[in-house]
Amino acid sequence: MKNIIAIDPGAAGGIAILRAGLIPETYNMPSTNADIRDLLEELEPTNTIIYCERVGTYMPGNSGPSAAKFAEHVGALKGIICALRTPVIFPTPAAWIHDFIGKPNYVEKKADYEAKAWKQILAKRKNERKNKIKARAQEMFPHLKVTLKTADALGILQYGIQNQKDLIL
């Protein structure tokens, strides 16, 4: 089995690694590009594949400057990964989240609400989703201290583990 590094690329995200035969480890996302590079170089053993969530585009509700800052952070992270010369897969949030906690079944529709009310619904959905991901990560990895910063990375890691099994079979 390959070593798997899973990355939730947000500034409030995290990194998880599963080395063959060992228990997973988690790290909060470092605050500078140099610190991210140093951590990934330290973690990056041979026979590794990286799963990094595919994000970095504009999301409705985010301000322009905040979206630009996030896209810059994700771009720098992709450059660091490229420099490592490690194979990388970029699963969409929907792909790994649906595998990890299931597909949501929302009944509310945007057309039924005013813009402000719809933003509140989206914020509530995000909060509920984040808490479900954290709870699922705590169930799957009871030996780890799971936080909101590392929960998504663990979900992406689990997606990577399953994906590697699918590739081997």
Protein backbone atom coordinates (compact mmCIF):
# COMPACT_ATOMS: atom_id res chain seq x y z
CA MET A 1 0.00 0.00 0.00
CA LYS A 2 1.17 3.51 -0.76
CA ASN A 3 1.63 6.15 1.88
CA ILE A 4 -1.20 8.66 1.58
CA ILE A 5 -1.09 12.36 2.39
CA ALA A 6 -4.49 14.09 2.47
CA ILE A 7 -4.79 17.86 2.33
CA ASP A 8 -7.69 20.16 3.18
CA PRO A 9 -6.13 23.25 1.62
CA GLY A 10 -7.89 26.05 3.48
CA ALA A 11 -5.91 28.27 5.83
CA ALA A 12 -8.07 26.74 8.58
CA GLY A 13 -7.59 23.28 7.05
CA GLY A 14 -5.30 20.44 7.85
CA ILE A 15 -3.07 17.65 6.62
CA ALA A 16 -3.34 13.96 7.43
CA ILE A 17 -0.90 11.19 6.56
CA LEU A 18 -1.17 7.44 6.66
CA ARG A 19 2.15 5.69 6.39
CA ALA A 20 1.91 1.99 5.51
CA GLY A 21 1.43 -0.03 8.67
CA LEU A 22 1.06 2.95 10.99
CA ILE A 23 -1.81 4.93 12.46
CA PRO A 24 -2.74 8.24 10.79
CA GLU A 25 -1.22 11.51 11.95
CA THR A 26 -2.80 14.95 11.59
CA TYR A 27 -1.43 18.48 11.41
CA ASN A 28 -3.08 21.89 11.28
CA MET A 29 -2.39 23.74 8.03
CA PRO A 30 0.84 25.70 8.54
CA SER A 31 0.46 29.46 8.22
CA THR A 32 3.20 30.18 5.66
CA ASN A 33 4.13 28.67 2.31
CA ALA A 34 7.61 27.85 3.60
CA ASP A 35 6.15 26.03 6.61
CA ILE A 36 3.77 24.08 4.34
CA ARG A 37 6.70 23.11 2.12
CA ASP A 38 8.81 22.06 5.10
CA LEU A 39 6.03 19.92 6.58
CA LEU A 40 5.25 18.18 3.28
CA GLU A 41 8.96 17.54 2.65
CA GLU A 42 9.23 16.08 6.14
CA LEU A 43 6.13 13.90 5.69
CA GLU A 44 6.75 12.95 2.08
CA PRO A 45 8.35 9.52 2.17
CA THR A 46 8.88 7.47 -0.95
CA ASN A 47 5.95 5.52 -2.38
CA THR A 48 3.46 8.31 -1.56
CA ILE A 49 0.38 9.70 -3.23
CA ILE A 50 -1.24 13.00 -2.28
CA TYR A 51 -4.99 13.62 -2.22
CA CYS A 52 -5.62 17.37 -2.17
CA GLU A 53 -9.19 18.65 -2.22
CA ARG A 54 -10.01 20.43 -5.50
CA VAL A 55 -10.93 23.93 -4.38
CA GLY A 56 -9.83 27.49 -5.05
CA THR A 57 -12.54 28.85 -7.28
CA TYR A 58 -15.08 31.52 -6.44
CA MET A 59 -17.94 30.45 -4.21
CA PRO A 60 -21.14 32.54 -3.99
CA GLY A 61 -21.25 34.37 -0.69
CA ASN A 62 -17.48 34.87 -0.46
CA SER A 63 -16.16 38.38 -0.92
CA GLY A 64 -13.90 39.03 -3.91
CA PRO A 65 -10.79 39.77 -1.81
CA SER A 66 -11.36 36.70 0.37
CA ALA A 67 -11.85 34.50 -2.72
CA ALA A 68 -8.66 35.89 -4.26
CA LYS A 69 -6.66 35.25 -1.07
CA PHE A 70 -7.97 31.67 -0.91
CA ALA A 71 -7.18 31.06 -4.59
CA GLU A 72 -3.65 32.41 -4.05
CA HIS A 73 -3.15 30.05 -1.08
CA VAL A 74 -4.42 27.06 -3.07
CA GLY A 75 -2.22 28.00 -6.04
CA ALA A 76 0.86 28.17 -3.82
CA LEU A 77 -0.04 24.79 -2.32
CA LYS A 78 -0.36 23.27 -5.80
CA GLY A 79 3.06 24.69 -6.69
CA ILE A 80 4.58 23.15 -3.56
CA ILE A 81 3.01 19.78 -4.39
CA CYS A 82 4.29 20.01 -7.97
CA ALA A 83 7.81 20.74 -6.72
CA LEU A 84 7.70 17.61 -4.55
CA ARG A 85 7.24 15.49 -7.71
CA THR A 86 4.71 13.35 -5.86
CA PRO A 87 1.66 11.97 -7.67
CA VAL A 88 -1.46 13.91 -6.74
CA ILE A 89 -5.19 13.40 -7.13
CA PHE A 90 -7.61 16.29 -6.66
CA PRO A 91 -10.99 14.91 -5.50
CA THR A 92 -13.89 17.35 -5.49
CA PRO A 93 -15.47 18.16 -2.14
CA ALA A 94 -18.67 16.40 -3.26
CA ALA A 95 -16.76 13.19 -4.14
CA TRP A 96 -15.05 12.69 -0.80
CA ILE A 97 -17.85 14.16 1.36
CA HIS A 98 -20.53 11.93 -0.19
CA ASP A 99 -18.31 8.90 0.39
CA PHE A 100 -17.57 9.96 3.96
CA ILE A 101 -20.94 11.14 5.34
CA GLY A 102 -23.38 10.45 2.51
CA LYS A 103 -25.17 12.73 0.10
CA PRO A 104 -27.36 15.40 1.69
CA ASN A 105 -31.05 15.55 0.94
CA TYR A 106 -31.93 19.23 1.20
CA VAL A 107 -35.53 20.33 0.77
CA GLU A 108 -34.96 24.11 0.72
CA LYS A 109 -34.46 25.72 -2.68
CA LYS A 110 -32.75 29.04 -3.38
CA ALA A 111 -35.72 30.33 -5.38
CA ASP A 112 -37.92 30.14 -2.28
CA TYR A 113 -35.82 32.61 -0.25
CA GLU A 114 -34.51 36.15 -0.31
CA ALA A 115 -30.73 36.50 -0.66
CA LYS A 116 -30.07 37.19 3.05
CA ALA A 117 -32.21 34.26 4.21
CA TRP A 118 -30.57 31.96 1.65
CA LYS A 119 -27.09 32.91 2.92
CA GLN A 120 -28.21 31.98 6.43
CA ILE A 121 -29.45 28.61 5.20
CA LEU A 122 -26.15 27.95 3.41
CA ALA A 123 -24.19 28.89 6.55
CA LYS A 124 -26.36 26.55 8.64
CA ARG A 125 -25.83 23.72 6.12
CA LYS A 126 -22.08 24.26 6.16
CA ASN A 127 -21.98 24.19 9.97
CA GLU A 128 -24.06 20.99 10.07
CA ARG A 129 -21.87 19.37 7.38
CA LYS A 130 -18.65 20.28 9.21
CA ASN A 131 -19.99 18.82 12.46
CA LYS A 132 -21.07 15.60 10.69
CA ILE A 133 -17.62 15.27 9.13
CA LYS A 134 -15.95 15.81 12.51
CA ALA A 135 -18.23 13.26 14.22
CA ARG A 136 -17.59 10.67 11.49
CA ALA A 137 -13.82 11.26 11.69
CA GLN A 138 -13.98 10.79 15.48
CA GLU A 139 -15.79 7.46 14.96
CA MET A 140 -13.32 6.23 12.36
CA PHE A 141 -10.18 7.47 14.07
CA PRO A 142 -10.94 7.27 17.83
CA HIS A 143 -7.23 7.31 18.75
CA LEU A 144 -6.79 10.81 17.25
CA LYS A 145 -7.79 14.19 18.63
CA VAL A 146 -10.02 15.29 15.77
CA THR A 147 -10.64 19.02 15.39
CA LEU A 148 -12.59 21.03 12.83
CA LYS A 149 -9.18 21.88 11.29
CA THR A 150 -8.20 18.24 10.78
CA ALA A 151 -11.58 16.53 10.25
CA ASP A 152 -11.79 17.26 6.52
CA ALA A 153 -8.21 16.04 5.99
CA LEU A 154 -9.19 12.77 7.67
CA GLY A 155 -12.25 12.50 5.42
CA ILE A 156 -10.05 13.06 2.38
CA LEU A 157 -7.59 10.50 3.77
CA GLN A 158 -10.37 7.92 4.08
CA TYR A 159 -11.39 8.69 0.49
CA GLY A 160 -7.76 8.15 -0.57
CA ILE A 161 -7.54 4.85 1.31
CA GLN A 162 -10.68 3.60 -0.43
CA ASN A 163 -9.49 4.91 -3.79
CA GLN A 164 -6.18 3.08 -3.44
CA LYS A 165 -8.01 -0.16 -2.63
CA ASP A 166 -10.13 0.33 -5.75
CA LEU A 167 -7.01 0.84 -7.86
CA ILE A 168 -5.38 -2.34 -6.50
CA LEU A 169 -8.40 -4.64 -7.01
